[in-house]
Amino acid sequence: MGKNIFVVEDLPMMRDLLTTTLEGLGHTVVGFAENGKDAIANYAKHNPDLMTLDISLPDMDGLFVLKELRLKHPQAKILIVTANDQKMLQKQALLMGASGILLKPFVVDDIKAALAQVFP
């Protein structure tokens, strides 16, 4: 069963790749944000089953966005997307309430595995 997904990614090429892959897997991308401010402001408008959240955004850290969304929407499922493979950062994101981690660069099987982690 497909999920409604809100994609937060500042790089157009990566946003397009993630969107195309998610839609190819049967999900619907209900909206986009290119920065943390828009992600926080538009989360409730889209009411997604899942948000993919880039950790490196132009206006604020993705962990700050995660923290803010957790306060306002504690039930939110948020998949952190990052090219930073530091285990400490990943652990911190999970402790802050991230539903999972997807490392860039990714392939379709990586996305499937991350979604299975979020939606067992």
PDB file of N, CA and C in Angstrom:
ATOM      1  N   MET A   1       0.845  -1.186   0.000  1.00  0.00           N
ATOM      2  CA  MET A   1       0.000   0.000   0.000  1.00  0.00           C
ATOM      3  C   MET A   1       0.882   1.238   0.000  1.00  0.00           C
ATOM      4  N   GLY A   2       0.684   2.110  -0.953  1.00  0.00           N
ATOM      5  CA  GLY A   2       1.509   3.300  -1.099  1.00  0.00           C
ATOM      6  C   GLY A   2       1.296   4.305   0.018  1.00  0.00           C
ATOM      7  N   LYS A   3       2.332   5.042   0.325  1.00  0.00           N
ATOM      8  CA  LYS A   3       2.321   6.059   1.369  1.00  0.00           C
ATOM      9  C   LYS A   3       2.402   7.449   0.746  1.00  0.00           C
ATOM     10  N   ASN A   4       1.858   8.431   1.460  1.00  0.00           N
ATOM     11  CA  ASN A   4       2.000   9.830   1.071  1.00  0.00           C
ATOM     12  C   ASN A   4       3.268  10.364   1.726  1.00  0.00           C
ATOM     13  N   ILE A   5       4.161  10.897   0.908  1.00  0.00           N
ATOM     14  CA  ILE A   5       5.485  11.280   1.397  1.00  0.00           C
ATOM     15  C   ILE A   5       5.782  12.734   1.051  1.00  0.00           C
ATOM     16  N   PHE A   6       6.303  13.443   2.039  1.00  0.00           N
ATOM     17  CA  PHE A   6       6.720  14.837   1.905  1.00  0.00           C
ATOM     18  C   PHE A   6       8.246  14.849   1.867  1.00  0.00           C
ATOM     19  N   VAL A   7       8.817  15.331   0.781  1.00  0.00           N
ATOM     20  CA  VAL A   7      10.264  15.286   0.555  1.00  0.00           C
ATOM     21  C   VAL A   7      10.897  16.638   0.882  1.00  0.00           C
ATOM     22  N   VAL A   8      11.877  16.614   1.786  1.00  0.00           N
ATOM     23  CA  VAL A   8      12.620  17.829   2.139  1.00  0.00           C
ATOM     24  C   VAL A   8      14.063  17.630   1.679  1.00  0.00           C
ATOM     25  N   GLU A   9      14.416  18.344   0.617  1.00  0.00           N
ATOM     26  CA  GLU A   9      15.740  18.199  -0.001  1.00  0.00           C
ATOM     27  C   GLU A   9      16.037  19.470  -0.777  1.00  0.00           C
ATOM     28  N   ASP A  10      17.193  20.081  -0.541  1.00  0.00           N
ATOM     29  CA  ASP A  10      17.521  21.337  -1.203  1.00  0.00           C
ATOM     30  C   ASP A  10      18.133  21.162  -2.591  1.00  0.00           C
ATOM     31  N   LEU A  11      18.720  20.016  -2.879  1.00  0.00           N
ATOM     32  CA  LEU A  11      19.343  19.808  -4.191  1.00  0.00           C
ATOM     33  C   LEU A  11      18.324  19.255  -5.191  1.00  0.00           C
ATOM     34  N   PRO A  12      18.027  20.007  -6.258  1.00  0.00           N
ATOM     35  CA  PRO A  12      17.001  19.573  -7.216  1.00  0.00           C
ATOM     36  C   PRO A  12      17.251  18.177  -7.792  1.00  0.00           C
ATOM     37  N   MET A  13      18.490  17.860  -8.133  1.00  0.00           N
ATOM     38  CA  MET A  13      18.780  16.543  -8.714  1.00  0.00           C
ATOM     39  C   MET A  13      18.454  15.419  -7.717  1.00  0.00           C
ATOM     40  N   MET A  14      18.837  15.608  -6.467  1.00  0.00           N
ATOM     41  CA  MET A  14      18.569  14.591  -5.449  1.00  0.00           C
ATOM     42  C   MET A  14      17.071  14.503  -5.151  1.00  0.00           C
ATOM     43  N   ARG A  15      16.405  15.658  -5.122  1.00  0.00           N
ATOM     44  CA  ARG A  15      14.955  15.692  -4.888  1.00  0.00           C
ATOM     45  C   ARG A  15      14.231  14.940  -5.997  1.00  0.00           C
ATOM     46  N   ASP A  16      14.645  15.170  -7.241  1.00  0.00           N
ATOM     47  CA  ASP A  16      14.026  14.484  -8.382  1.00  0.00           C
ATOM     48  C   ASP A  16      14.279  12.985  -8.338  1.00  0.00           C
ATOM     49  N   LEU A  17      15.509  12.596  -8.002  1.00  0.00           N
ATOM     50  CA  LEU A  17      15.845  11.176  -7.914  1.00  0.00           C
ATOM     51  C   LEU A  17      15.025  10.486  -6.830  1.00  0.00           C
ATOM     52  N   LEU A  18      14.936  11.102  -5.675  1.00  0.00           N
ATOM     53  CA  LEU A  18      14.167  10.527  -4.576  1.00  0.00           C
ATOM     54  C   LEU A  18      12.687  10.435  -4.940  1.00  0.00           C
ATOM     55  N   THR A  19      12.156  11.489  -5.541  1.00  0.00           N
ATOM     56  CA  THR A  19      10.749  11.507  -5.943  1.00  0.00           C
ATOM     57  C   THR A  19      10.457  10.422  -6.968  1.00  0.00           C
ATOM     58  N   THR A  20      11.273  10.339  -8.001  1.00  0.00           N
ATOM     59  CA  THR A  20      11.080   9.338  -9.055  1.00  0.00           C
ATOM     60  C   THR A  20      11.140   7.926  -8.479  1.00  0.00           C
ATOM     61  N   THR A  21      12.094   7.698  -7.588  1.00  0.00           N
ATOM     62  CA  THR A  21      12.240   6.365  -6.991  1.00  0.00           C
ATOM     63  C   THR A  21      11.050   6.023  -6.112  1.00  0.00           C
ATOM     64  N   LEU A  22      10.646   6.962  -5.264  1.00  0.00           N
ATOM     65  CA  LEU A  22       9.504   6.708  -4.381  1.00  0.00           C
ATOM     66  C   LEU A  22       8.226   6.455  -5.181  1.00  0.00           C
ATOM     67  N   GLU A  23       8.003   7.265  -6.197  1.00  0.00           N
ATOM     68  CA  GLU A  23       6.810   7.084  -7.024  1.00  0.00           C
ATOM     69  C   GLU A  23       6.879   5.773  -7.803  1.00  0.00           C
ATOM     70  N   GLY A  24       8.074   5.390  -8.222  1.00  0.00           N
ATOM     71  CA  GLY A  24       8.256   4.112  -8.906  1.00  0.00           C
ATOM     72  C   GLY A  24       7.954   2.923  -7.995  1.00  0.00           C
ATOM     73  N   LEU A  25       8.080   3.135  -6.693  1.00  0.00           N
ATOM     74  CA  LEU A  25       7.771   2.085  -5.717  1.00  0.00           C
ATOM     75  C   LEU A  25       6.302   2.107  -5.290  1.00  0.00           C
ATOM     76  N   GLY A  26       5.516   2.994  -5.905  1.00  0.00           N
ATOM     77  CA  GLY A  26       4.082   3.019  -5.635  1.00  0.00           C
ATOM     78  C   GLY A  26       3.625   4.026  -4.595  1.00  0.00           C
ATOM     79  N   HIS A  27       4.505   4.948  -4.217  1.00  0.00           N
ATOM     80  CA  HIS A  27       4.147   5.963  -3.231  1.00  0.00           C
ATOM     81  C   HIS A  27       3.798   7.269  -3.938  1.00  0.00           C
ATOM     82  N   THR A  28       3.174   8.193  -3.205  1.00  0.00           N
ATOM     83  CA  THR A  28       2.813   9.490  -3.742  1.00  0.00           C
ATOM     84  C   THR A  28       3.597  10.565  -3.011  1.00  0.00           C
ATOM     85  N   VAL A  29       4.305  11.390  -3.750  1.00  0.00           N
ATOM     86  CA  VAL A  29       5.011  12.523  -3.153  1.00  0.00           C
ATOM     87  C   VAL A  29       4.003  13.678  -3.136  1.00  0.00           C
ATOM     88  N   VAL A  30       3.600  14.057  -1.918  1.00  0.00           N
ATOM     89  CA  VAL A  30       2.530  15.055  -1.748  1.00  0.00           C
ATOM     90  C   VAL A  30       3.047  16.488  -1.669  1.00  0.00           C
ATOM     91  N   GLY A  31       4.361  16.640  -1.528  1.00  0.00           N
ATOM     92  CA  GLY A  31       4.909  17.987  -1.472  1.00  0.00           C
ATOM     93  C   GLY A  31       6.412  17.963  -1.299  1.00  0.00           C
ATOM     94  N   PHE A  32       6.995  19.159  -1.454  1.00  0.00           N
ATOM     95  CA  PHE A  32       8.437  19.336  -1.353  1.00  0.00           C
ATOM     96  C   PHE A  32       8.734  20.549  -0.487  1.00  0.00           C
ATOM     97  N   ALA A  33       9.897  20.530   0.117  1.00  0.00           N
ATOM     98  CA  ALA A  33      10.446  21.723   0.765  1.00  0.00           C
ATOM     99  C   ALA A  33      11.939  21.723   0.470  1.00  0.00           C
ATOM    100  N   GLU A  34      12.472  22.914   0.218  1.00  0.00           N
ATOM    101  CA  GLU A  34      13.895  23.055  -0.091  1.00  0.00           C
ATOM    102  C   GLU A  34      14.698  23.544   1.104  1.00  0.00           C
ATOM    103  N   ASN A  35      14.003  23.860   2.207  1.00  0.00           N
ATOM    104  CA  ASN A  35      14.706  24.341   3.392  1.00  0.00           C
ATOM    105  C   ASN A  35      13.916  23.959   4.646  1.00  0.00           C
ATOM    106  N   GLY A  36      14.550  24.156   5.781  1.00  0.00           N
ATOM    107  CA  GLY A  36      13.940  23.762   7.041  1.00  0.00           C
ATOM    108  C   GLY A  36      12.713  24.573   7.403  1.00  0.00           C
ATOM    109  N   LYS A  37      12.757  25.875   7.133  1.00  0.00           N
ATOM    110  CA  LYS A  37      11.617  26.744   7.449  1.00  0.00           C
ATOM    111  C   LYS A  37      10.359  26.260   6.731  1.00  0.00           C
ATOM    112  N   ASP A  38      10.475  25.980   5.433  1.00  0.00           N
ATOM    113  CA  ASP A  38       9.316  25.504   4.668  1.00  0.00           C
ATOM    114  C   ASP A  38       8.884  24.109   5.113  1.00  0.00           C
ATOM    115  N   ALA A  39       9.841  23.278   5.500  1.00  0.00           N
ATOM    116  CA  ALA A  39       9.500  21.927   5.979  1.00  0.00           C
ATOM    117  C   ALA A  39       8.634  22.005   7.221  1.00  0.00           C
ATOM    118  N   ILE A  40       9.041  22.843   8.167  1.00  0.00           N
ATOM    119  CA  ILE A  40       8.277  22.995   9.412  1.00  0.00           C
ATOM    120  C   ILE A  40       6.920  23.627   9.131  1.00  0.00           C
ATOM    121  N   ALA A  41       6.908  24.673   8.303  1.00  0.00           N
ATOM    122  CA  ALA A  41       5.671  25.402   8.021  1.00  0.00           C
ATOM    123  C   ALA A  41       4.647  24.575   7.251  1.00  0.00           C
ATOM    124  N   ASN A  42       5.109  23.672   6.379  1.00  0.00           N
ATOM    125  CA  ASN A  42       4.184  22.961   5.496  1.00  0.00           C
ATOM    126  C   ASN A  42       3.896  21.513   5.878  1.00  0.00           C
ATOM    127  N   TYR A  43       4.504  21.024   6.933  1.00  0.00           N
ATOM    128  CA  TYR A  43       4.277  19.631   7.323  1.00  0.00           C
ATOM    129  C   TYR A  43       2.783  19.360   7.545  1.00  0.00           C
ATOM    130  N   ALA A  44       2.132  20.166   8.362  1.00  0.00           N
ATOM    131  CA  ALA A  44       0.726  19.931   8.702  1.00  0.00           C
ATOM    132  C   ALA A  44      -0.172  20.059   7.467  1.00  0.00           C
ATOM    133  N   LYS A  45       0.179  20.955   6.560  1.00  0.00           N
ATOM    134  CA  LYS A  45      -0.613  21.149   5.332  1.00  0.00           C
ATOM    135  C   LYS A  45      -0.674  19.851   4.517  1.00  0.00           C
ATOM    136  N   HIS A  46       0.439  19.139   4.463  1.00  0.00           N
ATOM    137  CA  HIS A  46       0.505  17.913   3.663  1.00  0.00           C
ATOM    138  C   HIS A  46       0.104  16.675   4.452  1.00  0.00           C
ATOM    139  N   ASN A  47       0.236  16.727   5.786  1.00  0.00           N
ATOM    140  CA  ASN A  47      -0.115  15.605   6.653  1.00  0.00           C
ATOM    141  C   ASN A  47       0.344  14.260   6.069  1.00  0.00           C
ATOM    142  N   PRO A  48       1.652  14.123   5.814  1.00  0.00           N
ATOM    143  CA  PRO A  48       2.148  12.914   5.142  1.00  0.00           C
ATOM    144  C   PRO A  48       2.240  11.711   6.080  1.00  0.00           C
ATOM    145  N   ASP A  49       2.290  10.538   5.468  1.00  0.00           N
ATOM    146  CA  ASP A  49       2.576   9.318   6.227  1.00  0.00           C
ATOM    147  C   ASP A  49       4.051   9.298   6.621  1.00  0.00           C
ATOM    148  N   LEU A  50       4.878   9.984   5.819  1.00  0.00           N
ATOM    149  CA  LEU A  50       6.316  10.000   6.038  1.00  0.00           C
ATOM    150  C   LEU A  50       6.909  11.280   5.461  1.00  0.00           C
ATOM    151  N   MET A  51       7.914  11.810   6.163  1.00  0.00           N
ATOM    152  CA  MET A  51       8.705  12.903   5.626  1.00  0.00           C
ATOM    153  C   MET A  51      10.131  12.391   5.454  1.00  0.00           C
ATOM    154  N   THR A  52      10.709  12.624   4.281  1.00  0.00           N
ATOM    155  CA  THR A  52      12.141  12.384   4.120  1.00  0.00           C
ATOM    156  C   THR A  52      12.800  13.722   4.376  1.00  0.00           C
ATOM    157  N   LEU A  53      13.806  13.735   5.237  1.00  0.00           N
ATOM    158  CA  LEU A  53      14.400  14.988   5.685  1.00  0.00           C
ATOM    159  C   LEU A  53      15.909  14.967   5.502  1.00  0.00           C
ATOM    160  N   ASP A  54      16.379  15.804   4.589  1.00  0.00           N
ATOM    161  CA  ASP A  54      17.826  15.958   4.391  1.00  0.00           C
ATOM    162  C   ASP A  54      18.411  16.603   5.638  1.00  0.00           C
ATOM    163  N   ILE A  55      19.534  16.136   6.079  1.00  0.00           N
ATOM    164  CA  ILE A  55      20.157  16.658   7.295  1.00  0.00           C
ATOM    165  C   ILE A  55      20.857  17.994   7.037  1.00  0.00           C
ATOM    166  N   SER A  56      21.309  18.215   5.801  1.00  0.00           N
ATOM    167  CA  SER A  56      22.026  19.453   5.456  1.00  0.00           C
ATOM    168  C   SER A  56      21.127  20.340   4.612  1.00  0.00           C
ATOM    169  N   LEU A  57      20.568  21.350   5.240  1.00  0.00           N
ATOM    170  CA  LEU A  57      19.680  22.280   4.552  1.00  0.00           C
ATOM    171  C   LEU A  57      20.311  23.672   4.565  1.00  0.00           C
ATOM    172  N   PRO A  58      19.946  24.529   3.615  1.00  0.00           N
ATOM    173  CA  PRO A  58      20.626  25.822   3.506  1.00  0.00           C
ATOM    174  C   PRO A  58      20.359  26.782   4.665  1.00  0.00           C
ATOM    175  N   ASP A  59      19.218  26.659   5.330  1.00  0.00           N
ATOM    176  CA  ASP A  59      18.876  27.640   6.355  1.00  0.00           C
ATOM    177  C   ASP A  59      19.017  27.131   7.786  1.00  0.00           C
ATOM    178  N   MET A  60      18.969  25.822   7.975  1.00  0.00           N
ATOM    179  CA  MET A  60      19.097  25.269   9.316  1.00  0.00           C
ATOM    180  C   MET A  60      19.439  23.798   9.247  1.00  0.00           C
ATOM    181  N   ASP A  61      19.915  23.285  10.335  1.00  0.00           N
ATOM    182  CA  ASP A  61      20.290  21.882  10.437  1.00  0.00           C
ATOM    183  C   ASP A  61      19.042  20.998  10.437  1.00  0.00           C
ATOM    184  N   GLY A  62      19.100  19.887   9.735  1.00  0.00           N
ATOM    185  CA  GLY A  62      17.974  18.960   9.701  1.00  0.00           C
ATOM    186  C   GLY A  62      17.608  18.419  11.076  1.00  0.00           C
ATOM    187  N   LEU A  63      18.579  18.317  11.973  1.00  0.00           N
ATOM    188  CA  LEU A  63      18.275  17.853  13.325  1.00  0.00           C
ATOM    189  C   LEU A  63      17.409  18.871  14.068  1.00  0.00           C
ATOM    190  N   PHE A  64      17.606  20.154  13.782  1.00  0.00           N
ATOM    191  CA  PHE A  64      16.741  21.176  14.376  1.00  0.00           C
ATOM    192  C   PHE A  64      15.316  21.020  13.847  1.00  0.00           C
ATOM    193  N   VAL A  65      15.187  20.769  12.542  1.00  0.00           N
ATOM    194  CA  VAL A  65      13.866  20.547  11.945  1.00  0.00           C
ATOM    195  C   VAL A  65      13.212  19.329  12.594  1.00  0.00           C
ATOM    196  N   LEU A  66      13.971  18.264  12.755  1.00  0.00           N
ATOM    197  CA  LEU A  66      13.466  17.049  13.407  1.00  0.00           C
ATOM    198  C   LEU A  66      12.945  17.369  14.802  1.00  0.00           C
ATOM    199  N   LYS A  67      13.729  18.118  15.569  1.00  0.00           N
ATOM    200  CA  LYS A  67      13.336  18.482  16.929  1.00  0.00           C
ATOM    201  C   LYS A  67      12.038  19.288  16.929  1.00  0.00           C
ATOM    202  N   GLU A  68      11.944  20.268  16.058  1.00  0.00           N
ATOM    203  CA  GLU A  68      10.746  21.111  15.982  1.00  0.00           C
ATOM    204  C   GLU A  68       9.512  20.301  15.584  1.00  0.00           C
ATOM    205  N   LEU A  69       9.675  19.430  14.609  1.00  0.00           N
ATOM    206  CA  LEU A  69       8.534  18.619  14.172  1.00  0.00           C
ATOM    207  C   LEU A  69       8.103  17.637  15.257  1.00  0.00           C
ATOM    208  N   ARG A  70       9.040  17.089  15.983  1.00  0.00           N
ATOM    209  CA  ARG A  70       8.722  16.175  17.088  1.00  0.00           C
ATOM    210  C   ARG A  70       7.888  16.882  18.152  1.00  0.00           C
ATOM    211  N   LEU A  71       8.197  18.169  18.420  1.00  0.00           N
ATOM    212  CA  LEU A  71       7.434  18.936  19.406  1.00  0.00           C
ATOM    213  C   LEU A  71       6.001  19.190  18.939  1.00  0.00           C
ATOM    214  N   LYS A  72       5.861  19.545  17.657  1.00  0.00           N
ATOM    215  CA  LYS A  72       4.547  19.897  17.115  1.00  0.00           C
ATOM    216  C   LYS A  72       3.745  18.693  16.649  1.00  0.00           C
ATOM    217  N   HIS A  73       4.431  17.659  16.185  1.00  0.00           N
ATOM    218  CA  HIS A  73       3.779  16.475  15.608  1.00  0.00           C
ATOM    219  C   HIS A  73       4.482  15.215  16.112  1.00  0.00           C
ATOM    220  N   PRO A  74       4.257  14.848  17.353  1.00  0.00           N
ATOM    221  CA  PRO A  74       5.007  13.718  17.931  1.00  0.00           C
ATOM    222  C   PRO A  74       4.797  12.388  17.205  1.00  0.00           C
ATOM    223  N   GLN A  75       3.715  12.262  16.464  1.00  0.00           N
ATOM    224  CA  GLN A  75       3.429  11.028  15.745  1.00  0.00           C
ATOM    225  C   GLN A  75       4.112  10.959  14.376  1.00  0.00           C
ATOM    226  N   ALA A  76       4.748  12.047  13.964  1.00  0.00           N
ATOM    227  CA  ALA A  76       5.349  12.128  12.625  1.00  0.00           C
ATOM    228  C   ALA A  76       6.405  11.044  12.417  1.00  0.00           C
ATOM    229  N   LYS A  77       6.367  10.456  11.238  1.00  0.00           N
ATOM    230  CA  LYS A  77       7.400   9.508  10.827  1.00  0.00           C
ATOM    231  C   LYS A  77       8.364  10.281   9.932  1.00  0.00           C
ATOM    232  N   ILE A  78       9.638  10.319  10.352  1.00  0.00           N
ATOM    233  CA  ILE A  78      10.627  11.131   9.653  1.00  0.00           C
ATOM    234  C   ILE A  78      11.856  10.274   9.348  1.00  0.00           C
ATOM    235  N   LEU A  79      12.141  10.159   8.067  1.00  0.00           N
ATOM    236  CA  LEU A  79      13.295   9.411   7.597  1.00  0.00           C
ATOM    237  C   LEU A  79      14.407  10.403   7.270  1.00  0.00           C
ATOM    238  N   ILE A  80      15.497  10.335   8.010  1.00  0.00           N
ATOM    239  CA  ILE A  80      16.635  11.223   7.776  1.00  0.00           C
ATOM    240  C   ILE A  80      17.410  10.734   6.555  1.00  0.00           C
ATOM    241  N   VAL A  81      17.698  11.660   5.638  1.00  0.00           N
ATOM    242  CA  VAL A  81      18.471  11.359   4.438  1.00  0.00           C
ATOM    243  C   VAL A  81      19.759  12.168   4.533  1.00  0.00           C
ATOM    244  N   THR A  82      20.893  11.474   4.478  1.00  0.00           N
ATOM    245  CA  THR A  82      22.158  12.171   4.662  1.00  0.00           C
ATOM    246  C   THR A  82      23.306  11.491   3.926  1.00  0.00           C
ATOM    247  N   ALA A  83      24.270  12.298   3.525  1.00  0.00           N
ATOM    248  CA  ALA A  83      25.505  11.763   2.949  1.00  0.00           C
ATOM    249  C   ALA A  83      26.559  11.594   4.035  1.00  0.00           C
ATOM    250  N   ASN A  84      26.235  12.055   5.234  1.00  0.00           N
ATOM    251  CA  ASN A  84      27.157  11.974   6.360  1.00  0.00           C
ATOM    252  C   ASN A  84      27.009  10.598   7.011  1.00  0.00           C
ATOM    253  N   ASP A  85      28.039   9.773   6.900  1.00  0.00           N
ATOM    254  CA  ASP A  85      27.936   8.408   7.431  1.00  0.00           C
ATOM    255  C   ASP A  85      28.502   8.273   8.844  1.00  0.00           C
ATOM    256  N   GLN A  86      28.624   9.389   9.548  1.00  0.00           N
ATOM    257  CA  GLN A  86      29.108   9.342  10.926  1.00  0.00           C
ATOM    258  C   GLN A  86      28.067   8.647  11.810  1.00  0.00           C
ATOM    259  N   LYS A  87      28.493   7.601  12.468  1.00  0.00           N
ATOM    260  CA  LYS A  87      27.582   6.822  13.315  1.00  0.00           C
ATOM    261  C   LYS A  87      27.005   7.661  14.448  1.00  0.00           C
ATOM    262  N   MET A  88      27.785   8.594  14.986  1.00  0.00           N
ATOM    263  CA  MET A  88      27.308   9.419  16.089  1.00  0.00           C
ATOM    264  C   MET A  88      26.138  10.293  15.656  1.00  0.00           C
ATOM    265  N   LEU A  89      26.223  10.865  14.463  1.00  0.00           N
ATOM    266  CA  LEU A  89      25.138  11.695  13.943  1.00  0.00           C
ATOM    267  C   LEU A  89      23.883  10.852  13.755  1.00  0.00           C
ATOM    268  N   GLN A  90      24.045   9.666  13.197  1.00  0.00           N
ATOM    269  CA  GLN A  90      22.897   8.778  12.986  1.00  0.00           C
ATOM    270  C   GLN A  90      22.258   8.399  14.313  1.00  0.00           C
ATOM    271  N   LYS A  91      23.098   8.075  15.289  1.00  0.00           N
ATOM    272  CA  LYS A  91      22.593   7.701  16.607  1.00  0.00           C
ATOM    273  C   LYS A  91      21.830   8.866  17.227  1.00  0.00           C
ATOM    274  N   GLN A  92      22.379  10.071  17.108  1.00  0.00           N
ATOM    275  CA  GLN A  92      21.717  11.253  17.648  1.00  0.00           C
ATOM    276  C   GLN A  92      20.353  11.462  16.998  1.00  0.00           C
ATOM    277  N   ALA A  93      20.283  11.315  15.674  1.00  0.00           N
ATOM    278  CA  ALA A  93      19.013  11.486  14.962  1.00  0.00           C
ATOM    279  C   ALA A  93      17.981  10.469  15.443  1.00  0.00           C
ATOM    280  N   LEU A  94      18.398   9.225  15.622  1.00  0.00           N
ATOM    281  CA  LEU A  94      17.477   8.193  16.094  1.00  0.00           C
ATOM    282  C   LEU A  94      17.026   8.472  17.521  1.00  0.00           C
ATOM    283  N   LEU A  95      17.938   8.930  18.364  1.00  0.00           N
ATOM    284  CA  LEU A  95      17.571   9.279  19.745  1.00  0.00           C
ATOM    285  C   LEU A  95      16.606  10.461  19.796  1.00  0.00           C
ATOM    286  N   MET A  96      16.693  11.338  18.813  1.00  0.00           N
ATOM    287  CA  MET A  96      15.805  12.500  18.747  1.00  0.00           C
ATOM    288  C   MET A  96      14.444  12.154  18.145  1.00  0.00           C
ATOM    289  N   GLY A  97      14.276  10.911  17.699  1.00  0.00           N
ATOM    290  CA  GLY A  97      12.974  10.492  17.207  1.00  0.00           C
ATOM    291  C   GLY A  97      12.869  10.210  15.727  1.00  0.00           C
ATOM    292  N   ALA A  98      13.997  10.218  15.013  1.00  0.00           N
ATOM    293  CA  ALA A  98      13.940   9.847  13.596  1.00  0.00           C
ATOM    294  C   ALA A  98      13.453   8.405  13.478  1.00  0.00           C
ATOM    295  N   SER A  99      12.678   8.146  12.453  1.00  0.00           N
ATOM    296  CA  SER A  99      12.133   6.803  12.230  1.00  0.00           C
ATOM    297  C   SER A  99      13.118   5.892  11.522  1.00  0.00           C
ATOM    298  N   GLY A 100      14.143   6.474  10.908  1.00  0.00           N
ATOM    299  CA  GLY A 100      15.146   5.698  10.198  1.00  0.00           C
ATOM    300  C   GLY A 100      16.140   6.615   9.526  1.00  0.00           C
ATOM    301  N   ILE A 101      17.165   6.008   8.924  1.00  0.00           N
ATOM    302  CA  ILE A 101      18.237   6.737   8.243  1.00  0.00           C
ATOM    303  C   ILE A 101      18.404   6.156   6.837  1.00  0.00           C
ATOM    304  N   LEU A 102      18.516   7.034   5.846  1.00  0.00           N
ATOM    305  CA  LEU A 102      18.820   6.634   4.471  1.00  0.00           C
ATOM    306  C   LEU A 102      20.089   7.366   4.070  1.00  0.00           C
ATOM    307  N   LEU A 103      21.141   6.602   3.774  1.00  0.00           N
ATOM    308  CA  LEU A 103      22.422   7.195   3.399  1.00  0.00           C
ATOM    309  C   LEU A 103      22.510   7.458   1.903  1.00  0.00           C
ATOM    310  N   LYS A 104      23.001   8.644   1.549  1.00  0.00           N
ATOM    311  CA  LYS A 104      23.299   8.987   0.157  1.00  0.00           C
ATOM    312  C   LYS A 104      24.717   8.527  -0.120  1.00  0.00           C
ATOM    313  N   PRO A 105      25.045   8.116  -1.299  1.00  0.00           N
ATOM    314  CA  PRO A 105      24.125   7.847  -2.407  1.00  0.00           C
ATOM    315  C   PRO A 105      23.355   6.558  -2.140  1.00  0.00           C
ATOM    316  N   PHE A 106      22.158   6.505  -2.639  1.00  0.00           N
ATOM    317  CA  PHE A 106      21.319   5.344  -2.399  1.00  0.00           C
ATOM    318  C   PHE A 106      20.864   4.725  -3.718  1.00  0.00           C
ATOM    319  N   VAL A 107      20.442   3.486  -3.626  1.00  0.00           N
ATOM    320  CA  VAL A 107      19.831   2.775  -4.748  1.00  0.00           C
ATOM    321  C   VAL A 107      18.439   2.361  -4.301  1.00  0.00           C
ATOM    322  N   VAL A 108      17.656   1.842  -5.211  1.00  0.00           N
ATOM    323  CA  VAL A 108      16.271   1.478  -4.919  1.00  0.00           C
ATOM    324  C   VAL A 108      16.177   0.545  -3.709  1.00  0.00           C
ATOM    325  N   ASP A 109      17.054  -0.454  -3.637  1.00  0.00           N
ATOM    326  CA  ASP A 109      16.998  -1.389  -2.513  1.00  0.00           C
ATOM    327  C   ASP A 109      17.252  -0.703  -1.172  1.00  0.00           C
ATOM    328  N   ASP A 110      18.069   0.349  -1.160  1.00  0.00           N
ATOM    329  CA  ASP A 110      18.307   1.107   0.074  1.00  0.00           C
ATOM    330  C   ASP A 110      17.015   1.801   0.527  1.00  0.00           C
ATOM    331  N   ILE A 111      16.299   2.367  -0.427  1.00  0.00           N
ATOM    332  CA  ILE A 111      15.038   3.041  -0.099  1.00  0.00           C
ATOM    333  C   ILE A 111      14.012   2.022   0.386  1.00  0.00           C
ATOM    334  N   LYS A 112      13.928   0.881  -0.286  1.00  0.00           N
ATOM    335  CA  LYS A 112      13.008  -0.168   0.157  1.00  0.00           C
ATOM    336  C   LYS A 112      13.319  -0.592   1.590  1.00  0.00           C
ATOM    337  N   ALA A 113      14.587  -0.775   1.900  1.00  0.00           N
ATOM    338  CA  ALA A 113      15.000  -1.193   3.246  1.00  0.00           C
ATOM    339  C   ALA A 113      14.656  -0.114   4.272  1.00  0.00           C
ATOM    340  N   ALA A 114      14.888   1.149   3.935  1.00  0.00           N
ATOM    341  CA  ALA A 114      14.581   2.241   4.851  1.00  0.00           C
ATOM    342  C   ALA A 114      13.082   2.334   5.103  1.00  0.00           C
ATOM    343  N   LEU A 115      12.279   2.172   4.053  1.00  0.00           N
ATOM    344  CA  LEU A 115      10.824   2.217   4.209  1.00  0.00           C
ATOM    345  C   LEU A 115      10.329   1.039   5.046  1.00  0.00           C
ATOM    346  N   ALA A 116      10.951  -0.132   4.864  1.00  0.00           N
ATOM    347  CA  ALA A 116      10.577  -1.298   5.661  1.00  0.00           C
ATOM    348  C   ALA A 116      10.924  -1.070   7.132  1.00  0.00           C
ATOM    349  N   GLN A 117      11.962  -0.301   7.385  1.00  0.00           N
ATOM    350  CA  GLN A 117      12.345   0.021   8.760  1.00  0.00           C
ATOM    351  C   GLN A 117      11.293   0.953   9.382  1.00  0.00           C
ATOM    352  N   VAL A 118      10.789   1.907   8.608  1.00  0.00           N
ATOM    353  CA  VAL A 118       9.805   2.857   9.096  1.00  0.00           C
ATOM    354  C   VAL A 118       8.419   2.221   9.222  1.00  0.00           C
ATOM    355  N   PHE A 119       8.068   1.410   8.236  1.00  0.00           N
ATOM    356  CA  PHE A 119       6.751   0.764   8.185  1.00  0.00           C
ATOM    357  C   PHE A 119       6.932  -0.747   8.201  1.00  0.00           C
ATOM    358  N   PRO A 120       7.226  -1.332   9.377  1.00  0.00           N
ATOM    359  CA  PRO A 120       7.491  -2.789   9.441  1.00  0.00           C
ATOM    360  C   PRO A 120       6.270  -3.625   9.076  1.00  0.00           C
TER     361      PRO A 120
END
